[in-house]
Amino acid sequence: MPTALYYRCIDMDTVVVSSKYQIVIPQNVRKRIDLKPGQKIVIIEKDGVIHLIPQKPIREMRGFLKGIDTSQLRDEEDRF
């Protein structure tokens, strides 16, 4: 990596939407995120941007929030 500020690789590909509104996730992306056939994907649309997020088994999620700072998640004014 050319700079110390570069901390993550971003992959970008172009795909075509079929007449059945299907897309093919490129092989390099499938390998990078370890996507398996039959795996469920959560689709989120926000402000015209579509995010595809692989759903993981709950056992794999254990501990993924360890050490998170929860002080900024919600203001006290949000409470009833």
PDB file of N, CA and C in Angstrom:
ATOM      1  N   MET A   1       0.840  -1.174   0.000  1.00  0.00           N
ATOM      2  CA  MET A   1       0.000   0.000   0.000  1.00  0.00           C
ATOM      3  C   MET A   1       0.892   1.248   0.000  1.00  0.00           C
ATOM      4  N   PRO A   2       0.576   2.223  -0.814  1.00  0.00           N
ATOM      5  CA  PRO A   2       1.452   3.385  -0.963  1.00  0.00           C
ATOM      6  C   PRO A   2       1.466   4.343   0.212  1.00  0.00           C
ATOM      7  N   THR A   3       0.439   4.369   1.026  1.00  0.00           N
ATOM      8  CA  THR A   3       0.409   5.332   2.119  1.00  0.00           C
ATOM      9  C   THR A   3      -0.111   4.701   3.397  1.00  0.00           C
ATOM     10  N   ALA A   4       0.314   5.233   4.519  1.00  0.00           N
ATOM     11  CA  ALA A   4      -0.115   4.705   5.812  1.00  0.00           C
ATOM     12  C   ALA A   4      -1.587   5.003   6.073  1.00  0.00           C
ATOM     13  N   LEU A   5      -2.145   5.999   5.373  1.00  0.00           N
ATOM     14  CA  LEU A   5      -3.543   6.343   5.577  1.00  0.00           C
ATOM     15  C   LEU A   5      -4.494   5.364   4.883  1.00  0.00           C
ATOM     16  N   TYR A   6      -3.973   4.609   3.935  1.00  0.00           N
ATOM     17  CA  TYR A   6      -4.785   3.635   3.209  1.00  0.00           C
ATOM     18  C   TYR A   6      -4.959   2.413   4.089  1.00  0.00           C
ATOM     19  N   TYR A   7      -6.183   2.180   4.563  1.00  0.00           N
ATOM     20  CA  TYR A   7      -6.395   1.106   5.524  1.00  0.00           C
ATOM     21  C   TYR A   7      -7.296   0.012   4.997  1.00  0.00           C
ATOM     22  N   ARG A   8      -7.861   0.179   3.810  1.00  0.00           N
ATOM     23  CA  ARG A   8      -8.826  -0.798   3.347  1.00  0.00           C
ATOM     24  C   ARG A   8      -8.899  -0.756   1.825  1.00  0.00           C
ATOM     25  N   CYS A   9      -8.992  -1.913   1.229  1.00  0.00           N
ATOM     26  CA  CYS A   9      -9.073  -1.999  -0.229  1.00  0.00           C
ATOM     27  C   CYS A   9     -10.536  -1.937  -0.649  1.00  0.00           C
ATOM     28  N   ILE A  10     -10.823  -1.142  -1.662  1.00  0.00           N
ATOM     29  CA  ILE A  10     -12.182  -1.006  -2.162  1.00  0.00           C
ATOM     30  C   ILE A  10     -12.223  -1.599  -3.563  1.00  0.00           C
ATOM     31  N   ASP A  11     -13.137  -2.535  -3.763  1.00  0.00           N
ATOM     32  CA  ASP A  11     -13.339  -3.155  -5.063  1.00  0.00           C
ATOM     33  C   ASP A  11     -14.549  -2.525  -5.720  1.00  0.00           C
ATOM     34  N   MET A  12     -14.438  -2.245  -7.013  1.00  0.00           N
ATOM     35  CA  MET A  12     -15.571  -1.659  -7.723  1.00  0.00           C
ATOM     36  C   MET A  12     -15.681  -2.326  -9.086  1.00  0.00           C
ATOM     37  N   ASP A  13     -16.854  -2.842  -9.386  1.00  0.00           N
ATOM     38  CA  ASP A  13     -17.131  -3.475 -10.664  1.00  0.00           C
ATOM     39  C   ASP A  13     -18.470  -2.979 -11.176  1.00  0.00           C
ATOM     40  N   THR A  14     -18.697  -3.162 -12.456  1.00  0.00           N
ATOM     41  CA  THR A  14     -19.975  -2.821 -13.068  1.00  0.00           C
ATOM     42  C   THR A  14     -20.681  -4.120 -13.442  1.00  0.00           C
ATOM     43  N   VAL A  15     -21.953  -4.215 -13.101  1.00  0.00           N
ATOM     44  CA  VAL A  15     -22.758  -5.385 -13.449  1.00  0.00           C
ATOM     45  C   VAL A  15     -23.985  -4.912 -14.214  1.00  0.00           C
ATOM     46  N   VAL A  16     -24.638  -5.832 -14.892  1.00  0.00           N
ATOM     47  CA  VAL A  16     -25.819  -5.523 -15.683  1.00  0.00           C
ATOM     48  C   VAL A  16     -27.030  -6.167 -15.022  1.00  0.00           C
ATOM     49  N   VAL A  17     -28.119  -5.425 -14.914  1.00  0.00           N
ATOM     50  CA  VAL A  17     -29.361  -5.954 -14.367  1.00  0.00           C
ATOM     51  C   VAL A  17     -30.083  -6.670 -15.501  1.00  0.00           C
ATOM     52  N   SER A  18     -30.448  -7.942 -15.264  1.00  0.00           N
ATOM     53  CA  SER A  18     -31.125  -8.725 -16.299  1.00  0.00           C
ATOM     54  C   SER A  18     -32.587  -8.312 -16.418  1.00  0.00           C
ATOM     55  N   SER A  19     -33.275  -8.868 -17.404  1.00  0.00           N
ATOM     56  CA  SER A  19     -34.701  -8.576 -17.588  1.00  0.00           C
ATOM     57  C   SER A  19     -35.538  -9.065 -16.405  1.00  0.00           C
ATOM     58  N   LYS A  20     -34.962  -9.973 -15.607  1.00  0.00           N
ATOM     59  CA  LYS A  20     -35.636 -10.463 -14.395  1.00  0.00           C
ATOM     60  C   LYS A  20     -35.143  -9.724 -13.147  1.00  0.00           C
ATOM     61  N   TYR A  21     -34.450  -8.611 -13.344  1.00  0.00           N
ATOM     62  CA  TYR A  21     -33.887  -7.787 -12.258  1.00  0.00           C
ATOM     63  C   TYR A  21     -32.877  -8.555 -11.425  1.00  0.00           C
ATOM     64  N   GLN A  22     -32.117  -9.423 -12.043  1.00  0.00           N
ATOM     65  CA  GLN A  22     -31.076 -10.179 -11.359  1.00  0.00           C
ATOM     66  C   GLN A  22     -29.717  -9.601 -11.734  1.00  0.00           C
ATOM     67  N   ILE A  23     -28.767  -9.752 -10.804  1.00  0.00           N
ATOM     68  CA  ILE A  23     -27.383  -9.362 -11.077  1.00  0.00           C
ATOM     69  C   ILE A  23     -26.480 -10.527 -10.692  1.00  0.00           C
ATOM     70  N   VAL A  24     -25.275 -10.544 -11.240  1.00  0.00           N
ATOM     71  CA  VAL A  24     -24.267 -11.534 -10.871  1.00  0.00           C
ATOM     72  C   VAL A  24     -23.200 -10.799 -10.080  1.00  0.00           C
ATOM     73  N   ILE A  25     -22.933 -11.275  -8.863  1.00  0.00           N
ATOM     74  CA  ILE A  25     -21.876 -10.677  -8.044  1.00  0.00           C
ATOM     75  C   ILE A  25     -20.542 -11.181  -8.585  1.00  0.00           C
ATOM     76  N   PRO A  26     -19.634 -10.276  -8.960  1.00  0.00           N
ATOM     77  CA  PRO A  26     -18.367 -10.697  -9.559  1.00  0.00           C
ATOM     78  C   PRO A  26     -17.580 -11.665  -8.667  1.00  0.00           C
ATOM     79  N   GLN A  27     -16.858 -12.568  -9.314  1.00  0.00           N
ATOM     80  CA  GLN A  27     -16.128 -13.612  -8.604  1.00  0.00           C
ATOM     81  C   GLN A  27     -15.136 -13.044  -7.590  1.00  0.00           C
ATOM     82  N   ASN A  28     -14.423 -11.980  -7.960  1.00  0.00           N
ATOM     83  CA  ASN A  28     -13.436 -11.430  -7.022  1.00  0.00           C
ATOM     84  C   ASN A  28     -14.109 -10.903  -5.745  1.00  0.00           C
ATOM     85  N   VAL A  29     -15.306 -10.370  -5.864  1.00  0.00           N
ATOM     86  CA  VAL A  29     -16.052  -9.887  -4.690  1.00  0.00           C
ATOM     87  C   VAL A  29     -16.549 -11.080  -3.874  1.00  0.00           C
ATOM     88  N   ARG A  30     -17.089 -12.095  -4.552  1.00  0.00           N
ATOM     89  CA  ARG A  30     -17.585 -13.296  -3.848  1.00  0.00           C
ATOM     90  C   ARG A  30     -16.477 -13.937  -3.027  1.00  0.00           C
ATOM     91  N   LYS A  31     -15.282 -14.039  -3.616  1.00  0.00           N
ATOM     92  CA  LYS A  31     -14.157 -14.649  -2.904  1.00  0.00           C
ATOM     93  C   LYS A  31     -13.725 -13.788  -1.721  1.00  0.00           C
ATOM     94  N   ARG A  32     -13.678 -12.489  -1.945  1.00  0.00           N
ATOM     95  CA  ARG A  32     -13.193 -11.581  -0.902  1.00  0.00           C
ATOM     96  C   ARG A  32     -14.075 -11.590   0.340  1.00  0.00           C
ATOM     97  N   ILE A  33     -15.401 -11.698   0.136  1.00  0.00           N
ATOM     98  CA  ILE A  33     -16.303 -11.695   1.288  1.00  0.00           C
ATOM     99  C   ILE A  33     -16.759 -13.096   1.663  1.00  0.00           C
ATOM    100  N   ASP A  34     -16.169 -14.104   1.013  1.00  0.00           N
ATOM    101  CA  ASP A  34     -16.453 -15.511   1.304  1.00  0.00           C
ATOM    102  C   ASP A  34     -17.945 -15.821   1.184  1.00  0.00           C
ATOM    103  N   LEU A  35     -18.547 -15.370   0.087  1.00  0.00           N
ATOM    104  CA  LEU A  35     -19.966 -15.589  -0.173  1.00  0.00           C
ATOM    105  C   LEU A  35     -20.175 -16.998  -0.706  1.00  0.00           C
ATOM    106  N   LYS A  36     -21.148 -17.703  -0.165  1.00  0.00           N
ATOM    107  CA  LYS A  36     -21.442 -19.080  -0.547  1.00  0.00           C
ATOM    108  C   LYS A  36     -22.791 -19.159  -1.265  1.00  0.00           C
ATOM    109  N   PRO A  37     -22.956 -20.116  -2.184  1.00  0.00           N
ATOM    110  CA  PRO A  37     -24.253 -20.301  -2.827  1.00  0.00           C
ATOM    111  C   PRO A  37     -25.340 -20.598  -1.794  1.00  0.00           C
ATOM    112  N   GLY A  38     -26.484 -19.961  -1.935  1.00  0.00           N
ATOM    113  CA  GLY A  38     -27.586 -20.160  -0.996  1.00  0.00           C
ATOM    114  C   GLY A  38     -27.539 -19.262   0.225  1.00  0.00           C
ATOM    115  N   GLN A  39     -26.439 -18.545   0.423  1.00  0.00           N
ATOM    116  CA  GLN A  39     -26.318 -17.651   1.575  1.00  0.00           C
ATOM    117  C   GLN A  39     -27.273 -16.478   1.402  1.00  0.00           C
ATOM    118  N   LYS A  40     -27.901 -16.047   2.482  1.00  0.00           N
ATOM    119  CA  LYS A  40     -28.832 -14.924   2.431  1.00  0.00           C
ATOM    120  C   LYS A  40     -28.078 -13.601   2.480  1.00  0.00           C
ATOM    121  N   ILE A  41     -28.637 -12.617   1.780  1.00  0.00           N
ATOM    122  CA  ILE A  41     -28.052 -11.286   1.731  1.00  0.00           C
ATOM    123  C   ILE A  41     -29.125 -10.272   2.110  1.00  0.00           C
ATOM    124  N   VAL A  42     -28.792  -9.357   2.997  1.00  0.00           N
ATOM    125  CA  VAL A  42     -29.692  -8.275   3.379  1.00  0.00           C
ATOM    126  C   VAL A  42     -29.478  -7.139   2.382  1.00  0.00           C
ATOM    127  N   ILE A  43     -30.569  -6.596   1.846  1.00  0.00           N
ATOM    128  CA  ILE A  43     -30.488  -5.492   0.899  1.00  0.00           C
ATOM    129  C   ILE A  43     -31.040  -4.237   1.564  1.00  0.00           C
ATOM    130  N   ILE A  44     -30.228  -3.190   1.591  1.00  0.00           N
ATOM    131  CA  ILE A  44     -30.635  -1.919   2.184  1.00  0.00           C
ATOM    132  C   ILE A  44     -30.491  -0.836   1.126  1.00  0.00           C
ATOM    133  N   GLU A  45     -31.545  -0.065   0.923  1.00  0.00           N
ATOM    134  CA  GLU A  45     -31.483   1.073   0.005  1.00  0.00           C
ATOM    135  C   GLU A  45     -31.575   2.346   0.841  1.00  0.00           C
ATOM    136  N   LYS A  46     -30.639   3.250   0.629  1.00  0.00           N
ATOM    137  CA  LYS A  46     -30.647   4.512   1.354  1.00  0.00           C
ATOM    138  C   LYS A  46     -30.179   5.601   0.404  1.00  0.00           C
ATOM    139  N   ASP A  47     -31.032   6.584   0.191  1.00  0.00           N
ATOM    140  CA  ASP A  47     -30.716   7.727  -0.661  1.00  0.00           C
ATOM    141  C   ASP A  47     -30.229   7.301  -2.051  1.00  0.00           C
ATOM    142  N   GLY A  48     -30.870   6.272  -2.622  1.00  0.00           N
ATOM    143  CA  GLY A  48     -30.538   5.825  -3.964  1.00  0.00           C
ATOM    144  C   GLY A  48     -29.325   4.926  -4.067  1.00  0.00           C
ATOM    145  N   VAL A  49     -28.737   4.546  -2.940  1.00  0.00           N
ATOM    146  CA  VAL A  49     -27.584   3.658  -2.925  1.00  0.00           C
ATOM    147  C   VAL A  49     -28.030   2.311  -2.367  1.00  0.00           C
ATOM    148  N   ILE A  50     -27.691   1.230  -3.056  1.00  0.00           N
ATOM    149  CA  ILE A  50     -28.067  -0.115  -2.618  1.00  0.00           C
ATOM    150  C   ILE A  50     -26.859  -0.766  -1.958  1.00  0.00           C
ATOM    151  N   HIS A  51     -27.068  -1.273  -0.752  1.00  0.00           N
ATOM    152  CA  HIS A  51     -26.026  -1.999  -0.020  1.00  0.00           C
ATOM    153  C   HIS A  51     -26.445  -3.464   0.059  1.00  0.00           C
ATOM    154  N   LEU A  52     -25.543  -4.369  -0.283  1.00  0.00           N
ATOM    155  CA  LEU A  52     -25.779  -5.802  -0.164  1.00  0.00           C
ATOM    156  C   LEU A  52     -24.898  -6.308   0.969  1.00  0.00           C
ATOM    157  N   ILE A  53     -25.537  -6.829   2.021  1.00  0.00           N
ATOM    158  CA  ILE A  53     -24.794  -7.242   3.210  1.00  0.00           C
ATOM    159  C   ILE A  53     -25.043  -8.721   3.470  1.00  0.00           C
ATOM    160  N   PRO A  54     -23.993  -9.559   3.376  1.00  0.00           N
ATOM    161  CA  PRO A  54     -24.172 -10.987   3.634  1.00  0.00           C
ATOM    162  C   PRO A  54     -24.628 -11.223   5.075  1.00  0.00           C
ATOM    163  N   GLN A  55     -25.662 -12.041   5.211  1.00  0.00           N
ATOM    164  CA  GLN A  55     -26.141 -12.393   6.544  1.00  0.00           C
ATOM    165  C   GLN A  55     -25.243 -13.499   7.075  1.00  0.00           C
ATOM    166  N   LYS A  56     -24.831 -13.377   8.313  1.00  0.00           N
ATOM    167  CA  LYS A  56     -23.951 -14.369   8.907  1.00  0.00           C
ATOM    168  C   LYS A  56     -24.677 -15.098  10.023  1.00  0.00           C
ATOM    169  N   PRO A  57     -24.302 -16.353  10.262  1.00  0.00           N
ATOM    170  CA  PRO A  57     -24.899 -17.080  11.385  1.00  0.00           C
ATOM    171  C   PRO A  57     -24.622 -16.347  12.697  1.00  0.00           C
ATOM    172  N   ILE A  58     -25.568 -16.399  13.606  1.00  0.00           N
ATOM    173  CA  ILE A  58     -25.460 -15.669  14.877  1.00  0.00           C
ATOM    174  C   ILE A  58     -24.210 -16.073  15.655  1.00  0.00           C
ATOM    175  N   ARG A  59     -23.775 -17.306  15.526  1.00  0.00           N
ATOM    176  CA  ARG A  59     -22.562 -17.754  16.238  1.00  0.00           C
ATOM    177  C   ARG A  59     -21.319 -16.987  15.759  1.00  0.00           C
ATOM    178  N   GLU A  60     -21.287 -16.640  14.474  1.00  0.00           N
ATOM    179  CA  GLU A  60     -20.151 -15.876  13.950  1.00  0.00           C
ATOM    180  C   GLU A  60     -20.159 -14.430  14.442  1.00  0.00           C
ATOM    181  N   MET A  61     -21.308 -13.940  14.868  1.00  0.00           N
ATOM    182  CA  MET A  61     -21.434 -12.552  15.302  1.00  0.00           C
ATOM    183  C   MET A  61     -21.018 -12.360  16.761  1.00  0.00           C
ATOM    184  N   ARG A  62     -20.846 -13.436  17.484  1.00  0.00           N
ATOM    185  CA  ARG A  62     -20.503 -13.329  18.902  1.00  0.00           C
ATOM    186  C   ARG A  62     -19.212 -12.534  19.089  1.00  0.00           C
ATOM    187  N   GLY A  63     -19.315 -11.479  19.897  1.00  0.00           N
ATOM    188  CA  GLY A  63     -18.154 -10.683  20.249  1.00  0.00           C
ATOM    189  C   GLY A  63     -17.781  -9.601  19.249  1.00  0.00           C
ATOM    190  N   PHE A  64     -18.555  -9.415  18.169  1.00  0.00           N
ATOM    191  CA  PHE A  64     -18.141  -8.436  17.171  1.00  0.00           C
ATOM    192  C   PHE A  64     -18.271  -6.997  17.665  1.00  0.00           C
ATOM    193  N   LEU A  65     -18.991  -6.764  18.751  1.00  0.00           N
ATOM    194  CA  LEU A  65     -19.107  -5.419  19.311  1.00  0.00           C
ATOM    195  C   LEU A  65     -18.212  -5.208  20.530  1.00  0.00           C
ATOM    196  N   LYS A  66     -17.366  -6.151  20.811  1.00  0.00           N
ATOM    197  CA  LYS A  66     -16.497  -6.056  21.973  1.00  0.00           C
ATOM    198  C   LYS A  66     -15.666  -4.780  21.918  1.00  0.00           C
ATOM    199  N   GLY A  67     -15.725  -4.002  22.982  1.00  0.00           N
ATOM    200  CA  GLY A  67     -14.934  -2.786  23.084  1.00  0.00           C
ATOM    201  C   GLY A  67     -15.573  -1.561  22.455  1.00  0.00           C
ATOM    202  N   ILE A  68     -16.808  -1.667  21.978  1.00  0.00           N
ATOM    203  CA  ILE A  68     -17.464  -0.528  21.333  1.00  0.00           C
ATOM    204  C   ILE A  68     -17.800   0.547  22.371  1.00  0.00           C
ATOM    205  N   ASP A  69     -17.668   1.799  21.978  1.00  0.00           N
ATOM    206  CA  ASP A  69     -18.025   2.923  22.840  1.00  0.00           C
ATOM    207  C   ASP A  69     -19.512   3.202  22.660  1.00  0.00           C
ATOM    208  N   THR A  70     -20.320   2.891  23.667  1.00  0.00           N
ATOM    209  CA  THR A  70     -21.773   3.050  23.565  1.00  0.00           C
ATOM    210  C   THR A  70     -22.254   4.418  24.035  1.00  0.00           C
ATOM    211  N   SER A  71     -21.353   5.273  24.451  1.00  0.00           N
ATOM    212  CA  SER A  71     -21.774   6.567  24.988  1.00  0.00           C
ATOM    213  C   SER A  71     -22.391   7.477  23.927  1.00  0.00           C
ATOM    214  N   GLN A  72     -22.055   7.306  22.663  1.00  0.00           N
ATOM    215  CA  GLN A  72     -22.556   8.179  21.611  1.00  0.00           C
ATOM    216  C   GLN A  72     -23.670   7.544  20.766  1.00  0.00           C
ATOM    217  N   LEU A  73     -24.173   6.390  21.187  1.00  0.00           N
ATOM    218  CA  LEU A  73     -25.207   5.733  20.397  1.00  0.00           C
ATOM    219  C   LEU A  73     -26.555   6.424  20.460  1.00  0.00           C
ATOM    220  N   ARG A  74     -26.894   6.970  21.606  1.00  0.00           N
ATOM    221  CA  ARG A  74     -28.206   7.596  21.755  1.00  0.00           C
ATOM    222  C   ARG A  74     -28.140   8.695  22.807  1.00  0.00           C
ATOM    223  N   ASP A  75     -28.784   9.814  22.514  1.00  0.00           N
ATOM    224  CA  ASP A  75     -28.832  10.902  23.476  1.00  0.00           C
ATOM    225  C   ASP A  75     -29.869  10.609  24.538  1.00  0.00           C
ATOM    226  N   GLU A  76     -29.655  11.151  25.708  1.00  0.00           N
ATOM    227  CA  GLU A  76     -30.627  10.995  26.782  1.00  0.00           C
ATOM    228  C   GLU A  76     -31.965  11.634  26.427  1.00  0.00           C
ATOM    229  N   GLU A  77     -31.957  12.656  25.569  1.00  0.00           N
ATOM    230  CA  GLU A  77     -33.194  13.322  25.172  1.00  0.00           C
ATOM    231  C   GLU A  77     -34.097  12.413  24.330  1.00  0.00           C
ATOM    232  N   ASP A  78     -33.538  11.345  23.766  1.00  0.00           N
ATOM    233  CA  ASP A  78     -34.326  10.424  22.942  1.00  0.00           C
ATOM    234  C   ASP A  78     -35.287   9.575  23.780  1.00  0.00           C
ATOM    235  N   ARG A  79     -35.108   9.573  25.048  1.00  0.00           N
ATOM    236  CA  ARG A  79     -35.951   8.736  25.909  1.00  0.00           C
ATOM    237  C   ARG A  79     -37.265   9.422  26.223  1.00  0.00           C
ATOM    238  N   PHE A  80     -38.278   8.620  26.468  1.00  0.00           N
ATOM    239  CA  PHE A  80     -39.606   9.171  26.813  1.00  0.00           C
ATOM    240  C   PHE A  80     -39.677   9.545  28.261  1.00  0.00           C
TER     241      PHE A  80
END
